PDB file of N, CA and C in Angstrom:
ATOM      1  N   MET A   1     -17.283  32.062 -34.974  1.00  0.00           N
ATOM      2  CA  MET A   1     -16.684  30.815 -34.522  1.00  0.00           C
ATOM      3  C   MET A   1     -16.002  30.150 -35.715  1.00  0.00           C
ATOM      4  N   ASN A   2     -14.754  29.794 -35.547  1.00  0.00           N
ATOM      5  CA  ASN A   2     -13.990  29.127 -36.590  1.00  0.00           C
ATOM      6  C   ASN A   2     -14.114  27.614 -36.381  1.00  0.00           C
ATOM      7  N   THR A   3     -14.947  26.966 -37.201  1.00  0.00           N
ATOM      8  CA  THR A   3     -15.220  25.543 -37.036  1.00  0.00           C
ATOM      9  C   THR A   3     -13.969  24.702 -37.194  1.00  0.00           C
ATOM     10  N   THR A   4     -13.135  25.036 -38.167  1.00  0.00           N
ATOM     11  CA  THR A   4     -11.910  24.280 -38.391  1.00  0.00           C
ATOM     12  C   THR A   4     -11.023  24.307 -37.158  1.00  0.00           C
ATOM     13  N   GLN A   5     -10.846  25.487 -36.589  1.00  0.00           N
ATOM     14  CA  GLN A   5      -9.997  25.617 -35.408  1.00  0.00           C
ATOM     15  C   GLN A   5     -10.610  24.865 -34.219  1.00  0.00           C
ATOM     16  N   ASP A   6     -11.942  24.970 -34.038  1.00  0.00           N
ATOM     17  CA  ASP A   6     -12.596  24.284 -32.935  1.00  0.00           C
ATOM     18  C   ASP A   6     -12.467  22.768 -33.069  1.00  0.00           C
ATOM     19  N   THR A   7     -12.654  22.246 -34.284  1.00  0.00           N
ATOM     20  CA  THR A   7     -12.534  20.809 -34.519  1.00  0.00           C
ATOM     21  C   THR A   7     -11.120  20.345 -34.229  1.00  0.00           C
ATOM     22  N   HIS A   8     -10.126  21.114 -34.677  1.00  0.00           N
ATOM     23  CA  HIS A   8      -8.726  20.755 -34.438  1.00  0.00           C
ATOM     24  C   HIS A   8      -8.443  20.742 -32.939  1.00  0.00           C
ATOM     25  N   SER A   9      -8.937  21.733 -32.211  1.00  0.00           N
ATOM     26  CA  SER A   9      -8.713  21.800 -30.773  1.00  0.00           C
ATOM     27  C   SER A   9      -9.328  20.600 -30.074  1.00  0.00           C
ATOM     28  N   GLN A  10     -10.541  20.216 -30.482  1.00  0.00           N
ATOM     29  CA  GLN A  10     -11.202  19.070 -29.870  1.00  0.00           C
ATOM     30  C   GLN A  10     -10.423  17.798 -30.157  1.00  0.00           C
ATOM     31  N   ALA A  11      -9.942  17.636 -31.385  1.00  0.00           N
ATOM     32  CA  ALA A  11      -9.200  16.431 -31.745  1.00  0.00           C
ATOM     33  C   ALA A  11      -7.917  16.316 -30.931  1.00  0.00           C
ATOM     34  N   ARG A  12      -7.266  17.425 -30.646  1.00  0.00           N
ATOM     35  CA  ARG A  12      -6.016  17.405 -29.889  1.00  0.00           C
ATOM     36  C   ARG A  12      -6.256  17.030 -28.433  1.00  0.00           C
ATOM     37  N   ASN A  13      -7.510  17.117 -27.941  1.00  0.00           N
ATOM     38  CA  ASN A  13      -7.796  16.822 -26.545  1.00  0.00           C
ATOM     39  C   ASN A  13      -8.245  15.383 -26.308  1.00  0.00           C
ATOM     40  N   VAL A  14      -8.292  14.560 -27.351  1.00  0.00           N
ATOM     41  CA  VAL A  14      -8.676  13.159 -27.204  1.00  0.00           C
ATOM     42  C   VAL A  14      -7.478  12.390 -26.673  1.00  0.00           C
ATOM     43  N   SER A  15      -7.666  11.631 -25.605  1.00  0.00           N
ATOM     44  CA  SER A  15      -6.538  10.879 -25.050  1.00  0.00           C
ATOM     45  C   SER A  15      -6.494   9.491 -25.666  1.00  0.00           C
ATOM     46  N   SER A  16      -5.334   8.855 -25.587  1.00  0.00           N
ATOM     47  CA  SER A  16      -5.163   7.512 -26.123  1.00  0.00           C
ATOM     48  C   SER A  16      -5.886   6.506 -25.231  1.00  0.00           C
ATOM     49  N   THR A  17      -5.984   5.266 -25.722  1.00  0.00           N
ATOM     50  CA  THR A  17      -6.668   4.230 -24.950  1.00  0.00           C
ATOM     51  C   THR A  17      -5.926   3.884 -23.671  1.00  0.00           C
ATOM     52  N   LYS A  18      -4.641   4.194 -23.597  1.00  0.00           N
ATOM     53  CA  LYS A  18      -3.860   3.923 -22.396  1.00  0.00           C
ATOM     54  C   LYS A  18      -3.797   5.143 -21.477  1.00  0.00           C
ATOM     55  N   ASN A  19      -4.586   6.167 -21.778  1.00  0.00           N
ATOM     56  CA  ASN A  19      -4.610   7.401 -21.007  1.00  0.00           C
ATOM     57  C   ASN A  19      -3.255   8.069 -20.924  1.00  0.00           C
ATOM     58  N   GLU A  20      -2.461   7.921 -21.988  1.00  0.00           N
ATOM     59  CA  GLU A  20      -1.166   8.587 -22.046  1.00  0.00           C
ATOM     60  C   GLU A  20      -1.367  10.009 -22.554  1.00  0.00           C
ATOM     61  N   PRO A  21      -0.644  10.952 -22.019  1.00  0.00           N
ATOM     62  CA  PRO A  21      -0.767  12.321 -22.509  1.00  0.00           C
ATOM     63  C   PRO A  21      -0.139  12.454 -23.890  1.00  0.00           C
ATOM     64  N   PHE A  22      -0.570  13.487 -24.615  1.00  0.00           N
ATOM     65  CA  PHE A  22       0.051  13.770 -25.902  1.00  0.00           C
ATOM     66  C   PHE A  22       1.497  14.168 -25.672  1.00  0.00           C
ATOM     67  N   THR A  23       2.342  13.785 -26.611  1.00  0.00           N
ATOM     68  CA  THR A  23       3.742  14.149 -26.521  1.00  0.00           C
ATOM     69  C   THR A  23       4.166  14.750 -27.852  1.00  0.00           C
ATOM     70  N   THR A  24       5.361  15.241 -27.892  1.00  0.00           N
ATOM     71  CA  THR A  24       5.895  15.760 -29.153  1.00  0.00           C
ATOM     72  C   THR A  24       6.608  14.655 -29.921  1.00  0.00           C
ATOM     73  N   GLU A  25       6.624  13.443 -29.375  1.00  0.00           N
ATOM     74  CA  GLU A  25       7.264  12.319 -30.053  1.00  0.00           C
ATOM     75  C   GLU A  25       6.488  11.955 -31.313  1.00  0.00           C
ATOM     76  N   GLU A  26       7.158  12.074 -32.455  1.00  0.00           N
ATOM     77  CA  GLU A  26       6.517  11.728 -33.722  1.00  0.00           C
ATOM     78  C   GLU A  26       6.586  10.223 -33.930  1.00  0.00           C
ATOM     79  N   LEU A  27       5.438   9.624 -34.231  1.00  0.00           N
ATOM     80  CA  LEU A  27       5.404   8.202 -34.539  1.00  0.00           C
ATOM     81  C   LEU A  27       5.471   7.986 -36.049  1.00  0.00           C
ATOM     82  N   VAL A  28       4.899   8.915 -36.786  1.00  0.00           N
ATOM     83  CA  VAL A  28       4.938   8.882 -38.247  1.00  0.00           C
ATOM     84  C   VAL A  28       5.115  10.304 -38.734  1.00  0.00           C
ATOM     85  N   SER A  29       6.023  10.490 -39.667  1.00  0.00           N
ATOM     86  CA  SER A  29       6.233  11.805 -40.272  1.00  0.00           C
ATOM     87  C   SER A  29       6.281  11.644 -41.791  1.00  0.00           C
ATOM     88  N   VAL A  30       5.406  12.353 -42.479  1.00  0.00           N
ATOM     89  CA  VAL A  30       5.333  12.331 -43.939  1.00  0.00           C
ATOM     90  C   VAL A  30       5.644  13.737 -44.421  1.00  0.00           C
ATOM     91  N   SER A  31       6.557  13.838 -45.382  1.00  0.00           N
ATOM     92  CA  SER A  31       6.983  15.152 -45.858  1.00  0.00           C
ATOM     93  C   SER A  31       7.099  15.170 -47.381  1.00  0.00           C
ATOM     94  N   GLY A  32       6.343  16.064 -48.023  1.00  0.00           N
ATOM     95  CA  GLY A  32       6.444  16.283 -49.463  1.00  0.00           C
ATOM     96  C   GLY A  32       6.069  15.087 -50.317  1.00  0.00           C
ATOM     97  N   LEU A  33       5.172  14.249 -49.829  1.00  0.00           N
ATOM     98  CA  LEU A  33       4.806  13.021 -50.525  1.00  0.00           C
ATOM     99  C   LEU A  33       4.075  13.312 -51.833  1.00  0.00           C
ATOM    100  N   ALA A  34       4.486  12.640 -52.900  1.00  0.00           N
ATOM    101  CA  ALA A  34       3.838  12.776 -54.204  1.00  0.00           C
ATOM    102  C   ALA A  34       3.797  11.412 -54.887  1.00  0.00           C
ATOM    103  N   LYS A  35       2.702  11.165 -55.614  1.00  0.00           N
ATOM    104  CA  LYS A  35       2.547   9.909 -56.347  1.00  0.00           C
ATOM    105  C   LYS A  35       1.614  10.140 -57.525  1.00  0.00           C
ATOM    106  N   ALA A  36       1.996   9.583 -58.668  1.00  0.00           N
ATOM    107  CA  ALA A  36       1.150   9.647 -59.865  1.00  0.00           C
ATOM    108  C   ALA A  36       1.077   8.267 -60.476  1.00  0.00           C
ATOM    109  N   PHE A  37      -0.047   7.970 -61.086  1.00  0.00           N
ATOM    110  CA  PHE A  37      -0.229   6.764 -61.877  1.00  0.00           C
ATOM    111  C   PHE A  37      -0.428   7.226 -63.312  1.00  0.00           C
ATOM    112  N   GLY A  38       0.632   7.130 -64.097  1.00  0.00           N
ATOM    113  CA  GLY A  38       0.596   7.692 -65.447  1.00  0.00           C
ATOM    114  C   GLY A  38       0.482   9.207 -65.361  1.00  0.00           C
ATOM    115  N   SER A  39      -0.509   9.766 -66.030  1.00  0.00           N
ATOM    116  CA  SER A  39      -0.706  11.222 -65.993  1.00  0.00           C
ATOM    117  C   SER A  39      -1.651  11.650 -64.869  1.00  0.00           C
ATOM    118  N   HIS A  40      -2.183  10.681 -64.118  1.00  0.00           N
ATOM    119  CA  HIS A  40      -3.123  10.980 -63.025  1.00  0.00           C
ATOM    120  C   HIS A  40      -2.365  11.123 -61.706  1.00  0.00           C
ATOM    121  N   ARG A  41      -2.222  12.362 -61.226  1.00  0.00           N
ATOM    122  CA  ARG A  41      -1.525  12.622 -59.961  1.00  0.00           C
ATOM    123  C   ARG A  41      -2.518  12.465 -58.813  1.00  0.00           C
ATOM    124  N   VAL A  42      -2.248  11.506 -57.936  1.00  0.00           N
ATOM    125  CA  VAL A  42      -3.155  11.263 -56.809  1.00  0.00           C
ATOM    126  C   VAL A  42      -2.671  11.906 -55.519  1.00  0.00           C
ATOM    127  N   LEU A  43      -1.377  12.125 -55.389  1.00  0.00           N
ATOM    128  CA  LEU A  43      -0.827  12.798 -54.209  1.00  0.00           C
ATOM    129  C   LEU A  43       0.133  13.887 -54.654  1.00  0.00           C
ATOM    130  N   HIS A  44       0.036  15.048 -54.027  1.00  0.00           N
ATOM    131  CA  HIS A  44       0.938  16.148 -54.356  1.00  0.00           C
ATOM    132  C   HIS A  44       1.287  16.912 -53.085  1.00  0.00           C
ATOM    133  N   ASP A  45       2.553  16.862 -52.686  1.00  0.00           N
ATOM    134  CA  ASP A  45       3.064  17.611 -51.542  1.00  0.00           C
ATOM    135  C   ASP A  45       2.266  17.373 -50.257  1.00  0.00           C
ATOM    136  N   ILE A  46       2.117  16.108 -49.886  1.00  0.00           N
ATOM    137  CA  ILE A  46       1.394  15.737 -48.665  1.00  0.00           C
ATOM    138  C   ILE A  46       2.357  15.776 -47.482  1.00  0.00           C
ATOM    139  N   ASN A  47       1.955  16.466 -46.420  1.00  0.00           N
ATOM    140  CA  ASN A  47       2.742  16.578 -45.188  1.00  0.00           C
ATOM    141  C   ASN A  47       1.856  16.192 -44.007  1.00  0.00           C
ATOM    142  N   LEU A  48       2.384  15.341 -43.125  1.00  0.00           N
ATOM    143  CA  LEU A  48       1.602  14.871 -41.995  1.00  0.00           C
ATOM    144  C   LEU A  48       2.545  14.404 -40.895  1.00  0.00           C
ATOM    145  N   ASP A  49       2.257  14.799 -39.676  1.00  0.00           N
ATOM    146  CA  ASP A  49       2.974  14.297 -38.506  1.00  0.00           C
ATOM    147  C   ASP A  49       1.945  13.730 -37.549  1.00  0.00           C
ATOM    148  N   ALA A  50       2.154  12.506 -37.106  1.00  0.00           N
ATOM    149  CA  ALA A  50       1.282  11.883 -36.112  1.00  0.00           C
ATOM    150  C   ALA A  50       2.111  11.622 -34.867  1.00  0.00           C
ATOM    151  N   HIS A  51       1.626  12.110 -33.734  1.00  0.00           N
ATOM    152  CA  HIS A  51       2.338  11.992 -32.459  1.00  0.00           C
ATOM    153  C   HIS A  51       1.661  10.961 -31.568  1.00  0.00           C
ATOM    154  N   ARG A  52       2.426  10.462 -30.600  1.00  0.00           N
ATOM    155  CA  ARG A  52       1.883   9.500 -29.640  1.00  0.00           C
ATOM    156  C   ARG A  52       0.627  10.083 -28.989  1.00  0.00           C
ATOM    157  N   GLY A  53      -0.420   9.254 -28.933  1.00  0.00           N
ATOM    158  CA  GLY A  53      -1.671   9.659 -28.289  1.00  0.00           C
ATOM    159  C   GLY A  53      -2.670  10.310 -29.231  1.00  0.00           C
ATOM    160  N   GLU A  54      -2.257  10.645 -30.441  1.00  0.00           N
ATOM    161  CA  GLU A  54      -3.170  11.285 -31.400  1.00  0.00           C
ATOM    162  C   GLU A  54      -3.931  10.241 -32.199  1.00  0.00           C
ATOM    163  N   MET A  55      -5.108  10.634 -32.637  1.00  0.00           N
ATOM    164  CA  MET A  55      -5.882   9.851 -33.585  1.00  0.00           C
ATOM    165  C   MET A  55      -5.902  10.656 -34.880  1.00  0.00           C
ATOM    166  N   VAL A  56      -5.511  10.017 -35.977  1.00  0.00           N
ATOM    167  CA  VAL A  56      -5.422  10.716 -37.256  1.00  0.00           C
ATOM    168  C   VAL A  56      -6.317  10.008 -38.257  1.00  0.00           C
ATOM    169  N   ALA A  57      -7.049  10.781 -39.053  1.00  0.00           N
ATOM    170  CA  ALA A  57      -7.912  10.217 -40.098  1.00  0.00           C
ATOM    171  C   ALA A  57      -7.623  10.918 -41.411  1.00  0.00           C
ATOM    172  N   LEU A  58      -7.637  10.150 -42.489  1.00  0.00           N
ATOM    173  CA  LEU A  58      -7.536  10.711 -43.829  1.00  0.00           C
ATOM    174  C   LEU A  58      -8.933  10.667 -44.435  1.00  0.00           C
ATOM    175  N   LEU A  59      -9.441  11.813 -44.808  1.00  0.00           N
ATOM    176  CA  LEU A  59     -10.788  11.912 -45.365  1.00  0.00           C
ATOM    177  C   LEU A  59     -10.725  12.498 -46.760  1.00  0.00           C
ATOM    178  N   GLY A  60     -11.570  12.001 -47.639  1.00  0.00           N
ATOM    179  CA  GLY A  60     -11.625  12.548 -48.986  1.00  0.00           C
ATOM    180  C   GLY A  60     -12.508  11.703 -49.885  1.00  0.00           C
ATOM    181  N   ALA A  61     -12.733  12.205 -51.061  1.00  0.00           N
ATOM    182  CA  ALA A  61     -13.584  11.536 -52.042  1.00  0.00           C
ATOM    183  C   ALA A  61     -12.918  10.277 -52.589  1.00  0.00           C
ATOM    184  N   ASN A  62     -13.705   9.433 -53.226  1.00  0.00           N
ATOM    185  CA  ASN A  62     -13.165   8.247 -53.885  1.00  0.00           C
ATOM    186  C   ASN A  62     -12.092   8.652 -54.886  1.00  0.00           C
ATOM    187  N   GLY A  63     -10.982   7.932 -54.865  1.00  0.00           N
ATOM    188  CA  GLY A  63      -9.926   8.163 -55.837  1.00  0.00           C
ATOM    189  C   GLY A  63      -9.012   9.332 -55.563  1.00  0.00           C
ATOM    190  N   CYS A  64      -9.092   9.921 -54.369  1.00  0.00           N
ATOM    191  CA  CYS A  64      -8.267  11.101 -54.088  1.00  0.00           C
ATOM    192  C   CYS A  64      -6.883  10.754 -53.550  1.00  0.00           C
ATOM    193  N   GLY A  65      -6.622   9.465 -53.233  1.00  0.00           N
ATOM    194  CA  GLY A  65      -5.289   9.072 -52.807  1.00  0.00           C
ATOM    195  C   GLY A  65      -5.146   8.626 -51.370  1.00  0.00           C
ATOM    196  N   LYS A  66      -6.234   8.472 -50.643  1.00  0.00           N
ATOM    197  CA  LYS A  66      -6.149   8.062 -49.230  1.00  0.00           C
ATOM    198  C   LYS A  66      -5.455   6.712 -49.084  1.00  0.00           C
ATOM    199  N   SER A  67      -5.930   5.726 -49.814  1.00  0.00           N
ATOM    200  CA  SER A  67      -5.347   4.383 -49.722  1.00  0.00           C
ATOM    201  C   SER A  67      -3.914   4.370 -50.232  1.00  0.00           C
ATOM    202  N   THR A  68      -3.649   5.124 -51.265  1.00  0.00           N
ATOM    203  CA  THR A  68      -2.284   5.205 -51.795  1.00  0.00           C
ATOM    204  C   THR A  68      -1.345   5.777 -50.741  1.00  0.00           C
ATOM    205  N   ALA A  69      -1.776   6.826 -50.049  1.00  0.00           N
ATOM    206  CA  ALA A  69      -0.952   7.420 -48.989  1.00  0.00           C
ATOM    207  C   ALA A  69      -0.681   6.400 -47.887  1.00  0.00           C
ATOM    208  N   LEU A  70      -1.701   5.664 -47.465  1.00  0.00           N
ATOM    209  CA  LEU A  70      -1.526   4.659 -46.421  1.00  0.00           C
ATOM    210  C   LEU A  70      -0.609   3.530 -46.888  1.00  0.00           C
ATOM    211  N   ARG A  71      -0.740   3.120 -48.136  1.00  0.00           N
ATOM    212  CA  ARG A  71       0.126   2.064 -48.681  1.00  0.00           C
ATOM    213  C   ARG A  71       1.587   2.519 -48.711  1.00  0.00           C
ATOM    214  N   ILE A  72       1.808   3.800 -49.018  1.00  0.00           N
ATOM    215  CA  ILE A  72       3.176   4.329 -49.022  1.00  0.00           C
ATOM    216  C   ILE A  72       3.743   4.364 -47.606  1.00  0.00           C
ATOM    217  N   VAL A  73       2.952   4.823 -46.646  1.00  0.00           N
ATOM    218  CA  VAL A  73       3.401   4.867 -45.252  1.00  0.00           C
ATOM    219  C   VAL A  73       3.734   3.462 -44.765  1.00  0.00           C
ATOM    220  N   ALA A  74       2.941   2.476 -45.170  1.00  0.00           N
ATOM    221  CA  ALA A  74       3.164   1.094 -44.739  1.00  0.00           C
ATOM    222  C   ALA A  74       4.297   0.409 -45.485  1.00  0.00           C
ATOM    223  N   GLY A  75       4.820   1.052 -46.530  1.00  0.00           N
ATOM    224  CA  GLY A  75       5.909   0.457 -47.295  1.00  0.00           C
ATOM    225  C   GLY A  75       5.451  -0.512 -48.370  1.00  0.00           C
ATOM    226  N   LEU A  76       4.162  -0.505 -48.680  1.00  0.00           N
ATOM    227  CA  LEU A  76       3.613  -1.405 -49.692  1.00  0.00           C
ATOM    228  C   LEU A  76       3.621  -0.792 -51.085  1.00  0.00           C
ATOM    229  N   GLU A  77       3.873   0.483 -51.162  1.00  0.00           N
ATOM    230  CA  GLU A  77       3.899   1.247 -52.420  1.00  0.00           C
ATOM    231  C   GLU A  77       5.057   2.228 -52.309  1.00  0.00           C
ATOM    232  N   THR A  78       5.650   2.605 -53.430  1.00  0.00           N
ATOM    233  CA  THR A  78       6.728   3.596 -53.390  1.00  0.00           C
ATOM    234  C   THR A  78       6.214   4.955 -53.842  1.00  0.00           C
ATOM    235  N   ALA A  79       6.714   5.992 -53.212  1.00  0.00           N
ATOM    236  CA  ALA A  79       6.351   7.360 -53.579  1.00  0.00           C
ATOM    237  C   ALA A  79       7.232   7.822 -54.729  1.00  0.00           C
ATOM    238  N   ASP A  80       6.707   8.713 -55.550  1.00  0.00           N
ATOM    239  CA  ASP A  80       7.503   9.325 -56.607  1.00  0.00           C
ATOM    240  C   ASP A  80       8.422  10.390 -56.025  1.00  0.00           C
ATOM    241  N   GLN A  81       7.994  10.964 -54.903  1.00  0.00           N
ATOM    242  CA  GLN A  81       8.738  12.051 -54.273  1.00  0.00           C
ATOM    243  C   GLN A  81       8.349  12.118 -52.805  1.00  0.00           C
ATOM    244  N   GLY A  82       9.247  12.619 -51.964  1.00  0.00           N
ATOM    245  CA  GLY A  82       8.945  12.831 -50.557  1.00  0.00           C
ATOM    246  C   GLY A  82       9.559  11.779 -49.653  1.00  0.00           C
ATOM    247  N   GLU A  83       9.300  11.939 -48.370  1.00  0.00           N
ATOM    248  CA  GLU A  83       9.867  11.057 -47.349  1.00  0.00           C
ATOM    249  C   GLU A  83       8.806  10.600 -46.373  1.00  0.00           C
ATOM    250  N   VAL A  84       8.960   9.361 -45.900  1.00  0.00           N
ATOM    251  CA  VAL A  84       8.134   8.824 -44.828  1.00  0.00           C
ATOM    252  C   VAL A  84       9.087   8.328 -43.756  1.00  0.00           C
ATOM    253  N   ALA A  85       8.918   8.807 -42.537  1.00  0.00           N
ATOM    254  CA  ALA A  85       9.759   8.365 -41.422  1.00  0.00           C
ATOM    255  C   ALA A  85       8.877   7.754 -40.338  1.00  0.00           C
ATOM    256  N   VAL A  86       9.214   6.530 -39.961  1.00  0.00           N
ATOM    257  CA  VAL A  86       8.561   5.843 -38.852  1.00  0.00           C
ATOM    258  C   VAL A  86       9.700   5.402 -37.939  1.00  0.00           C
ATOM    259  N   PRO A  87      10.094   6.267 -36.988  1.00  0.00           N
ATOM    260  CA  PRO A  87      11.258   5.985 -36.148  1.00  0.00           C
ATOM    261  C   PRO A  87      11.170   4.636 -35.442  1.00  0.00           C
ATOM    262  N   GLY A  88      12.254   3.858 -35.558  1.00  0.00           N
ATOM    263  CA  GLY A  88      12.344   2.585 -34.865  1.00  0.00           C
ATOM    264  C   GLY A  88      11.604   1.443 -35.521  1.00  0.00           C
ATOM    265  N   PHE A  89      10.999   1.664 -36.689  1.00  0.00           N
ATOM    266  CA  PHE A  89      10.229   0.607 -37.336  1.00  0.00           C
ATOM    267  C   PHE A  89      11.018  -0.052 -38.441  1.00  0.00           C
ATOM    268  N   THR A  90      11.085  -1.356 -38.402  1.00  0.00           N
ATOM    269  CA  THR A  90      11.615  -2.150 -39.502  1.00  0.00           C
ATOM    270  C   THR A  90      10.720  -3.361 -39.646  1.00  0.00           C
ATOM    271  N   GLY A  91      10.520  -3.817 -40.861  1.00  0.00           N
ATOM    272  CA  GLY A  91       9.711  -5.015 -41.056  1.00  0.00           C
ATOM    273  C   GLY A  91       8.572  -4.790 -42.026  1.00  0.00           C
ATOM    274  N   THR A  92       7.565  -5.625 -41.912  1.00  0.00           N
ATOM    275  CA  THR A  92       6.409  -5.607 -42.804  1.00  0.00           C
ATOM    276  C   THR A  92       5.234  -4.968 -42.101  1.00  0.00           C
ATOM    277  N   ALA A  93       4.438  -4.217 -42.851  1.00  0.00           N
ATOM    278  CA  ALA A  93       3.276  -3.544 -42.293  1.00  0.00           C
ATOM    279  C   ALA A  93       2.007  -4.045 -42.957  1.00  0.00           C
ATOM    280  N   MET A  94       0.893  -3.895 -42.269  1.00  0.00           N
ATOM    281  CA  MET A  94      -0.410  -4.236 -42.834  1.00  0.00           C
ATOM    282  C   MET A  94      -1.334  -3.041 -42.618  1.00  0.00           C
ATOM    283  N   ILE A  95      -2.255  -2.840 -43.556  1.00  0.00           N
ATOM    284  CA  ILE A  95      -3.221  -1.752 -43.441  1.00  0.00           C
ATOM    285  C   ILE A  95      -4.619  -2.339 -43.411  1.00  0.00           C
ATOM    286  N   PHE A  96      -5.437  -1.872 -42.488  1.00  0.00           N
ATOM    287  CA  PHE A  96      -6.841  -2.246 -42.443  1.00  0.00           C
ATOM    288  C   PHE A  96      -7.649  -0.984 -42.627  1.00  0.00           C
ATOM    289  N   GLN A  97      -8.594  -1.040 -43.541  1.00  0.00           N
ATOM    290  CA  GLN A  97      -9.424   0.150 -43.798  1.00  0.00           C
ATOM    291  C   GLN A  97     -10.844  -0.100 -43.374  1.00  0.00           C
TER     292      GLN A  97
END
């Protein structure tokens, strides 16, 4: 049994709170994201697509870059490299952890 594959399959079957089906519509797309603070690289080549109806979590040890990635997606921090696309979004964002 491949636990990783089983977990991924289960996560894809969770419906949204509005009981909307999963779609291929990307709500957030992150491609090749990189960020360093001095010589300490916290993000390197991060890729992520979140679609309508999906629940996405960033997991990792303290200091691995989770908050930095979220701050970049929200527009509160700039990436050294890569792209973040949030179709149709303009304005200010807030992050709650």
